[in-house]
Amino acid sequence: MNTLTDNHLPQKLWGRSFIFIMLANAFLFMAFEMLLPTLPLFVSSLGGEASQIGLVTGIFMFSAILVRPFTAVLATRMDKKYLLIIGIAICALSTGAYYLSSGIWIILVLRVIHGFGFGLATTFFATIATENMPKERRGEGMGYFGVGETVAISIGPLVGTSLLFRYNYQSLFVGGMCILLLALLMAVFVSRKPKPVQGNQRTELPVATVKLIEKKVLFPSLLIMLVGIAAGSIMSFVALFASERGFENVAWFFFIVAIASFAVRLFSGKMFDRLGPGSVLLPSAGFAIAGLFMLTVAQNEVHFLLAGALYGFGFGAIFPAIQTWCVNLVDEHEHENAMASFFNFFDLGIGGGSLVLGIMASAFSYTMVYHIAIGVFVVYLLLFLVYSRRQRMRDQANQLEVNLE
């Protein structure tokens, strides 16, 4: 039995497969981020109106959300590694095919297909990554796993706009496709470590079903949705806010967010493993609130960049901590459902939050957007404190029952 356990859980974190899966995930997000500021320009060049540009963006996230509840069922019929490769391949082919589009409706069809691939890839990247790290170092491992993703999110838009303005749309889309093909090649060399099965153990596992929400991770998924709402305020409106205030270093702001997110993950994951979710989620929310508050009162570029650093410390620690928490709350055969719920709630938070905050910005100001984001994090803190208190009371009651017995 010990031999099986040792074979199942890798004893070191930085193995070949973990490095390849981390880099491939980073390339997936880099190609995705390259299109965020540039694809709307392409749609506009084809005669697309503002409403159509919004539809092109929204339909992608909808299709990604739609496919994720089916990932657990798919994983029972095909190896997770092959599903990951299929997801990356769909993303690569869709990205290259954008240049061949002659009208808005073709782009919309490609965005639906691309979204399916992105939904598959993001889910199986996370679940396969957990298989290639020791369970007792999962918080640390998921923190490192997301570092490349964070860096890619910061430099992806810069790479995309540079390719477009220096060359043309063909170079942009072909370049994105090449990056994804490199990610696909790395995924091919990732080794999975499936759990050995003894006797009729497989028949004892519940039959995988399509789950829109994995109930076991409902609470942390609600928390990541709140984080997504606040993150949407940064992704969608910080450039406009900076322009309104006369700040010019927007690119540096996102770069500092990435650096701070990288730095905090060097120790936040270890804190999670040793002390539990609260040791990371509470102080990180404090940093995020401080960063958002600094934005609202920023008077110069230094204040603006300091706000980015504080927010980066907060968000950079929260995201992998909640992701790891979701994985830890379920059995191994439920990892896909847990990650599907995690990513879907986060995407819903970003999408829905951006929509509501955009309305608030139009009615009031961009500063109001960040006051609301602060309020969202306050709700996050209150919910977590109430949850923690109830969990302690439940644990004490269970211990009392054990003592009485």
Protein backbone atom coordinates (compact mmCIF):
# COMPACT_ATOMS: atom_id res chain seq x y z
CA MET A 1 0.00 0.00 0.00
CA ASN A 2 2.82 2.42 0.81
CA THR A 3 4.43 1.67 -2.53
CA LEU A 4 1.24 2.60 -4.34
CA THR A 5 0.98 5.84 -2.42
CA ASP A 6 4.59 6.73 -3.15
CA ASN A 7 4.08 6.06 -6.83
CA HIS A 8 0.95 8.15 -6.91
CA LEU A 9 2.29 11.29 -5.24
CA PRO A 10 5.54 12.71 -6.59
CA GLN A 11 8.00 13.35 -3.79
CA LYS A 12 9.45 16.51 -5.31
CA LEU A 13 7.70 19.58 -6.63
CA TRP A 14 10.01 20.71 -9.43
CA GLY A 15 9.81 17.67 -11.68
CA ARG A 16 9.93 17.79 -15.49
CA SER A 17 6.17 17.43 -15.87
CA PHE A 18 5.41 20.21 -13.39
CA ILE A 19 7.75 22.61 -15.18
CA PHE A 20 6.28 21.77 -18.60
CA ILE A 21 2.69 22.12 -17.38
CA MET A 22 3.48 25.46 -15.72
CA LEU A 23 5.13 26.88 -18.87
CA ALA A 24 2.44 25.52 -21.20
CA ASN A 25 -0.26 27.13 -19.05
CA ALA A 26 1.62 30.43 -19.20
CA PHE A 27 1.77 30.27 -23.01
CA LEU A 28 -1.97 29.55 -23.18
CA PHE A 29 -2.73 32.71 -21.22
CA MET A 30 -0.18 34.77 -23.14
CA ALA A 31 -1.89 33.94 -26.44
CA PHE A 32 -5.28 34.69 -24.86
CA GLU A 33 -4.11 38.06 -23.51
CA MET A 34 -2.51 38.99 -26.84
CA LEU A 35 -6.00 39.11 -28.33
CA LEU A 36 -7.72 41.14 -25.61
CA PRO A 37 -6.65 44.60 -26.83
CA THR A 38 -6.20 43.64 -30.50
CA LEU A 39 -9.18 41.48 -31.51
CA PRO A 40 -11.64 44.38 -30.96
CA LEU A 41 -9.53 46.42 -33.41
CA PHE A 42 -9.76 43.57 -35.94
CA VAL A 43 -13.54 43.37 -35.53
CA SER A 44 -13.75 47.14 -35.98
CA SER A 45 -11.62 46.92 -39.15
CA LEU A 46 -14.21 44.51 -40.57
CA GLY A 47 -16.97 47.02 -39.90
CA GLY A 48 -18.06 45.75 -36.50
CA GLU A 49 -19.98 48.09 -34.21
CA ALA A 50 -19.44 48.53 -30.47
CA SER A 51 -22.26 46.11 -29.62
CA GLN A 52 -20.73 43.46 -31.88
CA ILE A 53 -17.32 43.95 -30.31
CA GLY A 54 -18.88 43.35 -26.91
CA LEU A 55 -20.60 40.24 -28.23
CA VAL A 56 -17.31 38.88 -29.57
CA THR A 57 -15.80 39.25 -26.11
CA GLY A 58 -18.78 37.95 -24.15
CA ILE A 59 -19.57 34.89 -26.27
CA PHE A 60 -16.06 33.56 -25.72
CA MET A 61 -16.45 33.52 -21.93
CA PHE A 62 -19.96 32.06 -22.23
CA SER A 63 -18.75 29.09 -24.29
CA ALA A 64 -15.84 28.49 -21.89
CA ILE A 65 -18.26 28.48 -18.96
CA LEU A 66 -20.67 26.21 -20.85
CA VAL A 67 -18.14 23.44 -21.54
CA ARG A 68 -16.53 23.20 -18.09
CA PRO A 69 -19.39 21.32 -16.33
CA PHE A 70 -18.86 18.47 -18.83
CA THR A 71 -15.14 18.05 -18.10
CA ALA A 72 -15.57 15.44 -15.34
CA VAL A 73 -17.70 13.25 -17.62
CA LEU A 74 -15.20 13.65 -20.46
CA ALA A 75 -12.37 12.63 -18.11
CA THR A 76 -14.07 9.26 -17.51
CA ARG A 77 -14.09 8.55 -21.24
CA MET A 78 -10.71 9.87 -22.31
CA ASP A 79 -7.33 10.48 -20.68
CA LYS A 80 -7.04 13.95 -19.16
CA LYS A 81 -3.77 14.57 -20.99
CA TYR A 82 -5.42 13.96 -24.36
CA LEU A 83 -8.29 16.25 -23.43
CA LEU A 84 -5.78 18.95 -22.48
CA ILE A 85 -4.00 18.54 -25.81
CA ILE A 86 -7.33 18.74 -27.67
CA GLY A 87 -8.21 21.95 -25.79
CA ILE A 88 -4.87 23.57 -26.65
CA ALA A 89 -5.13 22.44 -30.28
CA ILE A 90 -8.60 24.00 -30.58
CA CYS A 91 -7.23 27.28 -29.17
CA ALA A 92 -4.28 27.21 -31.60
CA LEU A 93 -6.36 26.51 -34.70
CA SER A 94 -9.01 29.08 -33.73
CA THR A 95 -6.37 31.76 -33.14
CA GLY A 96 -4.79 31.15 -36.54
CA ALA A 97 -8.19 31.06 -38.25
CA TYR A 98 -9.20 34.55 -37.12
CA TYR A 99 -7.15 36.04 -39.93
CA LEU A 100 -9.20 34.09 -42.49
CA SER A 101 -12.45 35.62 -41.20
CA SER A 102 -14.30 37.73 -43.72
CA GLY A 103 -17.19 38.83 -41.52
CA ILE A 104 -18.38 39.28 -37.95
CA TRP A 105 -20.47 36.09 -37.90
CA ILE A 106 -17.48 33.94 -38.81
CA ILE A 107 -15.54 35.52 -35.96
CA LEU A 108 -18.43 34.78 -33.58
CA VAL A 109 -18.41 31.11 -34.60
CA LEU A 110 -14.64 30.95 -34.12
CA ARG A 111 -14.99 32.61 -30.71
CA VAL A 112 -17.47 29.94 -29.59
CA ILE A 113 -15.08 27.19 -30.72
CA HIS A 114 -12.11 28.99 -29.17
CA GLY A 115 -14.03 29.34 -25.90
CA PHE A 116 -14.71 25.60 -25.81
CA GLY A 117 -11.00 24.91 -26.20
CA PHE A 118 -10.07 27.47 -23.56
CA GLY A 119 -12.57 26.01 -21.10
CA LEU A 120 -11.15 22.51 -21.59
CA ALA A 121 -7.53 23.61 -21.41
CA THR A 122 -7.81 25.76 -18.28
CA THR A 123 -9.67 23.04 -16.38
CA PHE A 124 -7.30 20.20 -17.27
CA PHE A 125 -4.17 22.32 -16.82
CA ALA A 126 -5.17 22.86 -13.20
CA THR A 127 -6.19 19.27 -12.50
CA ILE A 128 -3.12 17.69 -14.13
CA ALA A 129 -0.90 20.18 -12.30
CA THR A 130 -2.25 18.93 -8.96
CA GLU A 131 -1.36 15.36 -9.96
CA ASN A 132 2.26 16.40 -10.46
CA MET A 133 2.86 17.88 -7.04
CA PRO A 134 2.94 16.41 -3.51
CA LYS A 135 -0.39 16.86 -1.74
CA GLU A 136 1.32 18.30 1.33
CA ARG A 137 2.89 21.03 -0.88
CA ARG A 138 -0.19 21.74 -2.96
CA GLY A 139 -0.61 25.33 -1.79
CA GLU A 140 3.01 26.12 -2.64
CA GLY A 141 2.77 24.25 -5.94
CA MET A 142 -0.40 25.98 -7.12
CA GLY A 143 1.18 29.31 -6.23
CA TYR A 144 4.16 28.59 -8.46
CA PHE A 145 1.90 27.10 -11.14
CA GLY A 146 0.11 30.44 -11.48
CA VAL A 147 3.26 32.59 -11.63
CA GLY A 148 3.75 32.09 -15.35
CA GLU A 149 0.07 32.80 -15.90
CA THR A 150 0.36 36.09 -13.98
CA VAL A 151 3.43 37.18 -15.93
CA ALA A 152 1.77 36.22 -19.22
CA ILE A 153 -1.31 38.25 -18.36
CA SER A 154 0.92 41.29 -17.87
CA ILE A 155 3.09 41.00 -20.98
CA GLY A 156 0.56 39.38 -23.34
CA PRO A 157 -1.22 42.62 -24.29
CA LEU A 158 2.16 44.29 -24.88
CA VAL A 159 3.30 41.44 -27.15
CA GLY A 160 -0.01 41.47 -29.03
CA THR A 161 -0.07 45.21 -29.68
CA SER A 162 3.62 45.20 -30.64
CA LEU A 163 3.07 42.49 -33.27
CA LEU A 164 0.03 44.28 -34.64
CA PHE A 165 1.47 47.79 -34.87
CA ARG A 166 4.91 46.69 -36.06
CA TYR A 167 3.62 44.16 -38.59
CA ASN A 168 -0.06 43.31 -39.25
CA TYR A 169 -3.02 41.19 -38.17
CA GLN A 170 -1.61 38.12 -39.89
CA SER A 171 1.55 38.30 -37.77
CA LEU A 172 -0.58 38.74 -34.65
CA PHE A 173 -2.76 35.68 -35.24
CA VAL A 174 0.01 33.46 -36.60
CA GLY A 175 2.25 34.50 -33.71
CA GLY A 176 -0.46 33.60 -31.20
CA MET A 177 -0.99 30.25 -32.91
CA CYS A 178 2.76 29.47 -32.77
CA ILE A 179 2.84 30.21 -29.05
CA LEU A 180 -0.07 27.83 -28.52
CA LEU A 181 1.59 25.13 -30.63
CA LEU A 182 4.62 25.46 -28.36
CA ALA A 183 2.29 24.99 -25.38
CA LEU A 184 0.83 21.92 -27.08
CA LEU A 185 4.32 20.47 -27.61
CA MET A 186 5.12 20.93 -23.93
CA ALA A 187 1.84 19.29 -22.93
CA VAL A 188 2.81 16.21 -24.96
CA PHE A 189 5.81 15.68 -22.67
CA VAL A 190 3.77 15.97 -19.46
CA SER A 191 3.51 12.66 -17.59
CA ARG A 192 0.32 11.85 -15.71
CA LYS A 193 0.39 9.82 -12.53
CA PRO A 194 -3.07 8.23 -12.32
CA LYS A 195 -4.03 6.63 -9.05
CA PRO A 196 -3.49 2.86 -9.06
CA VAL A 197 -6.69 0.83 -8.67
CA GLN A 198 -6.93 -2.35 -6.66
CA GLY A 199 -9.61 -5.00 -7.11
CA ASN A 200 -13.04 -3.50 -7.69
CA GLN A 201 -12.12 -0.09 -6.27
CA ARG A 202 -13.06 1.65 -9.54
CA THR A 203 -16.65 0.43 -9.32
CA GLU A 204 -16.98 2.02 -5.89
CA LEU A 205 -16.37 5.50 -7.25
CA PRO A 206 -19.47 7.58 -7.99
CA VAL A 207 -20.43 7.78 -11.65
CA ALA A 208 -19.31 11.13 -13.07
CA THR A 209 -22.18 13.44 -13.93
CA VAL A 210 -22.53 16.89 -15.41
CA LYS A 211 -22.43 19.38 -12.55
CA LEU A 212 -23.10 23.05 -13.06
CA ILE A 213 -21.84 23.64 -9.50
CA GLU A 214 -19.75 21.39 -7.28
CA LYS A 215 -21.48 21.86 -3.92
CA LYS A 216 -18.38 20.95 -1.93
CA VAL A 217 -16.58 24.04 -3.25
CA LEU A 218 -19.56 26.38 -3.33
CA PHE A 219 -18.29 28.68 -0.58
CA PRO A 220 -14.73 29.21 -1.92
CA SER A 221 -16.25 29.58 -5.40
CA LEU A 222 -18.46 32.40 -4.09
CA LEU A 223 -15.35 34.03 -2.66
CA ILE A 224 -13.49 33.83 -5.98
CA MET A 225 -16.53 35.34 -7.71
CA LEU A 226 -16.27 38.35 -5.39
CA VAL A 227 -12.54 38.53 -6.13
CA GLY A 228 -13.41 38.39 -9.84
CA ILE A 229 -15.75 41.37 -9.51
CA ALA A 230 -12.95 43.41 -7.95
CA ALA A 231 -10.44 42.10 -10.52
CA GLY A 232 -12.79 43.23 -13.28
CA SER A 233 -12.53 46.78 -11.95
CA ILE A 234 -8.76 46.65 -12.50
CA MET A 235 -8.78 44.87 -15.86
CA SER A 236 -11.54 46.93 -17.45
CA PHE A 237 -11.28 50.41 -15.98
CA VAL A 238 -7.84 51.18 -14.54
CA ALA A 239 -6.58 52.56 -17.87
CA LEU A 240 -9.58 54.88 -18.15
CA PHE A 241 -9.23 55.83 -14.48
CA ALA A 242 -5.55 56.66 -15.02
CA SER A 243 -6.38 58.80 -18.04
CA GLU A 244 -9.01 60.67 -16.03
CA ARG A 245 -6.47 61.35 -13.28
CA GLY A 246 -3.65 62.19 -15.68
CA PHE A 247 -1.48 59.16 -14.84
CA GLU A 248 0.63 57.88 -17.72
CA ASN A 249 2.29 54.73 -16.40
CA VAL A 250 -0.54 52.24 -16.96
CA ALA A 251 1.82 49.67 -18.47
CA TRP A 252 4.09 49.97 -15.43
CA PHE A 253 1.06 49.58 -13.17
CA PHE A 254 0.26 46.16 -14.65
CA PHE A 255 3.94 45.20 -14.63
CA ILE A 256 4.18 46.00 -10.91
CA VAL A 257 0.98 44.03 -10.25
CA ALA A 258 2.66 41.04 -11.94
CA ILE A 259 5.92 41.44 -10.00
CA ALA A 260 4.08 41.77 -6.68
CA SER A 261 1.94 38.73 -7.53
CA PHE A 262 5.08 36.75 -8.29
CA ALA A 263 6.87 37.85 -5.11
CA VAL A 264 3.99 37.03 -2.74
CA ARG A 265 3.62 33.51 -4.15
CA LEU A 266 7.15 32.68 -3.06
CA PHE A 267 5.86 32.33 0.51
CA SER A 268 2.04 32.50 0.51
CA GLY A 269 1.69 28.93 -0.75
CA LYS A 270 3.90 27.62 2.05
CA MET A 271 1.78 29.55 4.56
CA PHE A 272 -1.34 27.91 3.13
CA ASP A 273 0.16 24.42 3.46
CA ARG A 274 1.30 24.97 7.05
CA LEU A 275 -1.45 27.15 8.52
CA GLY A 276 -4.52 26.71 6.31
CA PRO A 277 -6.62 29.01 4.07
CA GLY A 278 -7.25 31.74 6.65
CA SER A 279 -3.54 32.51 7.02
CA VAL A 280 -3.49 33.66 3.38
CA LEU A 281 -7.03 34.76 2.57
CA LEU A 282 -7.45 37.26 5.41
CA PRO A 283 -4.21 39.30 5.16
CA SER A 284 -4.30 39.15 1.35
CA ALA A 285 -7.74 40.75 1.31
CA GLY A 286 -6.29 43.50 3.51
CA PHE A 287 -3.56 44.16 0.95
CA ALA A 288 -6.10 44.23 -1.89
CA ILE A 289 -8.32 46.68 -0.01
CA ALA A 290 -5.30 48.87 0.73
CA GLY A 291 -4.36 48.88 -2.95
CA LEU A 292 -7.87 49.78 -4.10
CA PHE A 293 -8.10 52.52 -1.48
CA MET A 294 -4.74 53.90 -2.57
CA LEU A 295 -6.13 54.13 -6.10
CA THR A 296 -9.05 56.26 -4.95
CA VAL A 297 -6.79 58.76 -3.17
CA ALA A 298 -3.79 58.66 -5.54
CA GLN A 299 -2.45 62.11 -6.30
CA ASN A 300 0.62 61.24 -8.35
CA GLU A 301 2.35 58.46 -10.25
CA VAL A 302 4.08 57.11 -7.12
CA HIS A 303 0.73 56.62 -5.36
CA PHE A 304 -0.67 55.02 -8.50
CA LEU A 305 2.17 52.49 -8.77
CA LEU A 306 2.12 51.78 -5.02
CA ALA A 307 -1.56 50.93 -5.38
CA GLY A 308 -0.58 48.38 -8.05
CA ALA A 309 1.98 46.80 -5.73
CA LEU A 310 -0.48 46.49 -2.82
CA TYR A 311 -3.22 45.09 -5.04
CA GLY A 312 -0.76 42.66 -6.63
CA PHE A 313 0.28 41.33 -3.22
CA GLY A 314 -3.37 40.72 -2.38
CA PHE A 315 -4.68 39.23 -5.60
CA GLY A 316 -1.49 37.25 -6.26
CA ALA A 317 -1.92 35.32 -3.01
CA ILE A 318 -5.72 34.98 -3.01
CA PHE A 319 -6.17 33.37 -6.43
CA PRO A 320 -3.96 30.27 -5.96
CA ALA A 321 -5.03 29.93 -2.31
CA ILE A 322 -8.73 29.61 -3.19
CA GLN A 323 -7.87 27.37 -6.14
CA THR A 324 -5.90 25.03 -3.86
CA TRP A 325 -8.67 25.12 -1.26
CA CYS A 326 -11.18 23.96 -3.88
CA VAL A 327 -8.95 21.05 -4.87
CA ASN A 328 -8.43 20.04 -1.24
CA LEU A 329 -12.16 19.96 -0.51
CA VAL A 330 -12.95 17.21 -3.02
CA ASP A 331 -11.80 13.70 -3.85
CA GLU A 332 -9.42 13.16 -6.74
CA HIS A 333 -12.11 12.04 -9.17
CA GLU A 334 -13.93 15.32 -8.48
CA HIS A 335 -11.04 17.66 -9.34
CA GLU A 336 -12.52 18.57 -12.72
CA ASN A 337 -15.84 19.57 -11.17
CA ALA A 338 -14.05 21.63 -8.53
CA MET A 339 -11.92 23.48 -11.10
CA ALA A 340 -14.91 23.98 -13.39
CA SER A 341 -16.82 25.67 -10.56
CA PHE A 342 -13.77 27.71 -9.55
CA PHE A 343 -13.07 29.10 -13.02
CA ASN A 344 -16.73 29.60 -13.92
CA PHE A 345 -17.46 31.62 -10.78
CA PHE A 346 -14.32 33.69 -11.35
CA ASP A 347 -15.25 34.37 -14.99
CA LEU A 348 -18.82 35.23 -13.97
CA GLY A 349 -17.42 37.66 -11.42
CA ILE A 350 -15.22 39.37 -14.00
CA GLY A 351 -17.88 39.47 -16.71
CA GLY A 352 -20.85 40.40 -14.56
CA GLY A 353 -18.79 42.73 -12.42
CA SER A 354 -17.42 44.60 -15.42
CA LEU A 355 -20.95 45.07 -16.75
CA VAL A 356 -22.34 46.42 -13.46
CA LEU A 357 -19.27 48.51 -12.68
CA GLY A 358 -19.37 49.99 -16.18
CA ILE A 359 -22.92 51.16 -15.51
CA MET A 360 -21.81 52.66 -12.20
CA ALA A 361 -18.86 54.39 -13.88
CA SER A 362 -21.20 55.97 -16.43
CA ALA A 363 -23.63 57.09 -13.73
CA PHE A 364 -21.02 58.34 -11.25
CA SER A 365 -17.26 58.08 -11.81
CA TYR A 366 -14.34 55.66 -12.09
CA THR A 367 -13.46 56.46 -8.50
CA MET A 368 -16.87 55.08 -7.48
CA VAL A 369 -15.95 51.83 -9.24
CA TYR A 370 -13.08 51.31 -6.82
CA HIS A 371 -15.17 52.26 -3.80
CA ILE A 372 -17.55 49.48 -4.85
CA ALA A 373 -14.61 47.08 -5.33
CA ILE A 374 -13.50 47.85 -1.77
CA GLY A 375 -17.03 47.09 -0.57
CA VAL A 376 -16.93 43.76 -2.41
CA PHE A 377 -13.76 42.79 -0.55
CA VAL A 378 -15.34 43.83 2.76
CA VAL A 379 -18.22 41.44 2.00
CA TYR A 380 -15.62 38.78 1.17
CA LEU A 381 -13.97 39.29 4.58
CA LEU A 382 -17.24 39.18 6.49
CA LEU A 383 -18.33 35.99 4.74
CA PHE A 384 -15.02 34.29 5.45
CA LEU A 385 -15.06 35.30 9.11
CA VAL A 386 -18.62 33.98 9.55
CA TYR A 387 -17.68 30.75 7.77
CA SER A 388 -14.55 30.32 9.92
CA ARG A 389 -16.51 30.88 13.13
CA ARG A 390 -19.15 28.30 12.16
CA GLN A 391 -16.43 25.85 11.15
CA ARG A 392 -14.73 26.21 14.54
CA MET A 393 -18.04 25.68 16.34
CA ARG A 394 -18.72 22.59 14.24
CA ASP A 395 -15.26 21.19 14.98
CA GLN A 396 -15.70 21.83 18.71
CA ALA A 397 -19.08 20.07 18.68
CA ASN A 398 -17.60 17.07 16.86
CA GLN A 399 -14.72 16.91 19.35
CA LEU A 400 -17.16 17.06 22.24
CA GLU A 401 -19.11 14.11 20.81
CA VAL A 402 -15.89 12.14 20.46
CA ASN A 403 -14.93 12.90 24.09
CA LEU A 404 -18.37 11.85 25.34
CA GLU A 405 -18.11 8.56 23.52
